[in-house]
Amino acid sequence: MAKQVINIGTMADNKSGDPLRTAFTKINSNFDELYANNISGGTVAVTGGVDLENAVALDVTKSINKLTAGYYTLDDGTEGQILRVVRQTGVSTADITRIYVTNLCRIDGNEYTNNYIEPFVNGLDVVTFIYTDSAWQSIGGQWD
């Protein structure tokens, strides 16, 4: 089902928008679709702006992962591990949107769970991740 948008009308109280019953029916339908997807064992399609259903897991056994267009996930590493992600030649910085860190990451000394990074927003072609004290940290990229 496509998202159902509530018509809010052109002005407050001029009766040009959806009636309350219609508006709340749309709200319930939107939530029903989200919950049905999650409860059935699937994942909600977008978490933190990352399409987890179609995301590709980065290979933490390699020291360098070459990224093409799409979404990625980053699982736990091993202590002291260094992982670099490289934007493949010819791929736009806008094509690789986000990498979702599945567990713990550390940003400016603060720890966060289930966070994501936009690796190439600053025009970088290479971003380095370091796994220390059970968390990923990065040199480069923009954490959200």
Protein backbone atom coordinates (compact mmCIF):
# COMPACT_ATOMS: atom_id res chain seq x y z
CA MET A 1 0.00 0.00 0.00
CA ALA A 2 1.22 3.51 -0.69
CA LYS A 3 1.39 6.04 2.11
CA GLN A 4 -2.01 7.65 2.66
CA VAL A 5 -1.72 11.42 3.10
CA ILE A 6 -4.29 13.38 5.08
CA ASN A 7 -5.76 16.33 3.23
CA ILE A 8 -5.46 19.18 5.76
CA GLY A 9 -7.33 21.66 3.61
CA THR A 10 -6.39 25.15 2.55
CA MET A 11 -7.28 26.95 5.79
CA ALA A 12 -8.10 25.96 9.34
CA ASP A 13 -11.78 25.16 9.94
CA ASN A 14 -12.93 25.82 6.35
CA LYS A 15 -13.96 22.14 5.86
CA SER A 16 -11.84 21.71 2.73
CA GLY A 17 -9.73 18.87 4.23
CA ASP A 18 -10.49 15.28 5.14
CA PRO A 19 -13.14 14.74 7.83
CA LEU A 20 -11.76 13.41 11.15
CA ARG A 21 -12.97 9.86 10.56
CA THR A 22 -11.31 9.72 7.13
CA ALA A 23 -8.09 11.25 8.48
CA PHE A 24 -7.81 8.76 11.34
CA THR A 25 -8.64 5.85 9.01
CA LYS A 26 -5.62 6.88 6.91
CA ILE A 27 -3.45 7.15 10.03
CA ASN A 28 -4.50 3.67 11.19
CA SER A 29 -3.86 2.18 7.75
CA ASN A 30 -0.37 3.71 7.61
CA PHE A 31 0.50 2.32 11.06
CA ASP A 32 -1.10 -1.07 10.34
CA GLU A 33 1.21 -1.50 7.35
CA LEU A 34 4.30 -0.63 9.40
CA TYR A 35 3.38 -2.91 12.30
CA ALA A 36 2.34 -5.81 10.05
CA ASN A 37 5.73 -5.69 8.34
CA ASN A 38 7.61 -5.62 11.64
CA ILE A 39 5.51 -8.23 13.47
CA SER A 40 5.63 -10.70 10.58
CA GLY A 41 9.37 -11.09 11.11
CA GLY A 42 10.43 -8.55 8.54
CA THR A 43 12.09 -5.26 9.27
CA VAL A 44 10.60 -1.86 8.88
CA ALA A 45 11.95 -0.81 5.50
CA VAL A 46 13.77 2.27 6.71
CA THR A 47 15.59 2.57 10.03
CA GLY A 48 17.57 5.72 10.59
CA GLY A 49 17.26 6.49 6.92
CA VAL A 50 18.75 3.15 5.85
CA ASP A 51 16.80 0.65 3.76
CA LEU A 52 17.73 -2.36 5.92
CA GLU A 53 15.73 -4.81 3.84
CA ASN A 54 17.99 -4.18 0.83
CA ALA A 55 21.17 -3.16 2.66
CA VAL A 56 24.42 -5.01 1.99
CA ALA A 57 26.56 -6.05 4.97
CA LEU A 58 30.10 -4.70 4.78
CA ASP A 59 32.67 -7.49 4.87
CA VAL A 60 34.49 -6.93 8.17
CA THR A 61 37.03 -9.64 7.24
CA LYS A 62 38.43 -7.30 4.56
CA SER A 63 40.41 -4.18 5.41
CA ILE A 64 38.95 -2.29 2.42
CA ASN A 65 35.36 -2.37 1.13
CA LYS A 66 34.66 -0.74 -2.23
CA LEU A 67 31.17 0.76 -2.21
CA THR A 68 28.82 1.08 -5.14
CA ALA A 69 25.36 2.68 -4.96
CA GLY A 70 23.10 1.52 -2.14
CA TYR A 71 22.77 1.09 1.62
CA TYR A 72 25.15 -0.83 3.86
CA THR A 73 25.30 -2.27 7.38
CA LEU A 74 28.36 -2.57 9.61
CA ASP A 75 28.47 -5.36 12.21
CA ASP A 76 30.85 -5.62 15.16
CA GLY A 77 34.54 -5.97 14.46
CA THR A 78 37.48 -7.19 16.52
CA GLU A 79 39.53 -5.07 18.90
CA GLY A 80 41.97 -2.82 17.04
CA GLN A 81 40.48 -3.59 13.64
CA ILE A 82 40.78 -0.94 10.94
CA LEU A 83 38.27 -0.94 8.10
CA ARG A 84 38.24 1.47 5.19
CA VAL A 85 35.33 2.15 2.87
CA VAL A 86 36.18 3.51 -0.56
CA ARG A 87 33.80 5.13 -3.01
CA GLN A 88 34.11 3.24 -6.28
CA THR A 89 35.25 5.34 -9.24
CA GLY A 90 32.31 6.70 -11.21
CA VAL A 91 29.85 6.45 -8.30
CA SER A 92 28.39 9.78 -7.18
CA THR A 93 28.69 10.80 -3.53
CA ALA A 94 24.88 11.01 -3.49
CA ASP A 95 24.51 7.36 -4.62
CA ILE A 96 25.86 5.86 -1.37
CA THR A 97 23.55 7.28 1.19
CA ARG A 98 24.21 5.67 4.57
CA ILE A 99 26.00 2.94 6.49
CA TYR A 100 24.00 1.61 9.45
CA VAL A 101 26.12 0.51 12.44
CA THR A 102 24.18 -2.42 13.87
CA ASN A 103 25.44 -2.14 17.44
CA LEU A 104 27.68 0.36 19.21
CA CYS A 105 29.49 3.38 17.79
CA ARG A 106 31.38 6.16 19.52
CA ILE A 107 31.09 9.78 18.37
CA ASP A 108 33.05 12.54 20.09
CA GLY A 109 33.42 10.39 23.21
CA ASN A 110 29.70 9.55 23.43
CA GLU A 111 28.35 6.05 22.79
CA TYR A 112 25.32 5.41 20.60
CA THR A 113 23.53 2.26 19.46
CA ASN A 114 21.95 1.66 16.07
CA ASN A 115 23.32 4.80 14.43
CA TYR A 116 24.25 5.56 10.84
CA ILE A 117 26.93 7.49 9.00
CA GLU A 118 26.90 9.29 5.67
CA PRO A 119 30.46 8.46 4.64
CA PHE A 120 31.11 10.68 1.65
CA VAL A 121 29.14 13.88 2.38
CA ASN A 122 32.29 15.99 2.72
CA GLY A 123 33.58 14.99 -0.70
CA LEU A 124 35.82 12.27 0.74
CA ASP A 125 36.59 9.15 -1.28
CA VAL A 126 37.86 7.09 1.69
CA VAL A 127 36.52 6.84 5.25
CA THR A 128 38.35 4.90 7.96
CA PHE A 129 36.61 3.04 10.78
CA ILE A 130 38.46 1.80 13.87
CA TYR A 131 36.97 -0.79 16.24
CA THR A 132 38.11 -0.12 19.82
CA ASP A 133 36.50 -0.86 23.18
CA SER A 134 33.61 -2.72 21.49
CA ALA A 135 32.54 0.23 19.30
CA TRP A 136 33.19 1.59 15.81
CA GLN A 137 34.65 5.09 15.47
CA SER A 138 35.31 6.86 12.19
CA ILE A 139 37.79 9.26 10.71
CA GLY A 140 35.70 11.19 8.22
CA GLY A 141 32.04 11.04 7.30
CA GLN A 142 29.01 12.63 8.96
CA TRP A 143 27.27 10.76 11.81
CA ASP A 144 23.54 11.31 12.35
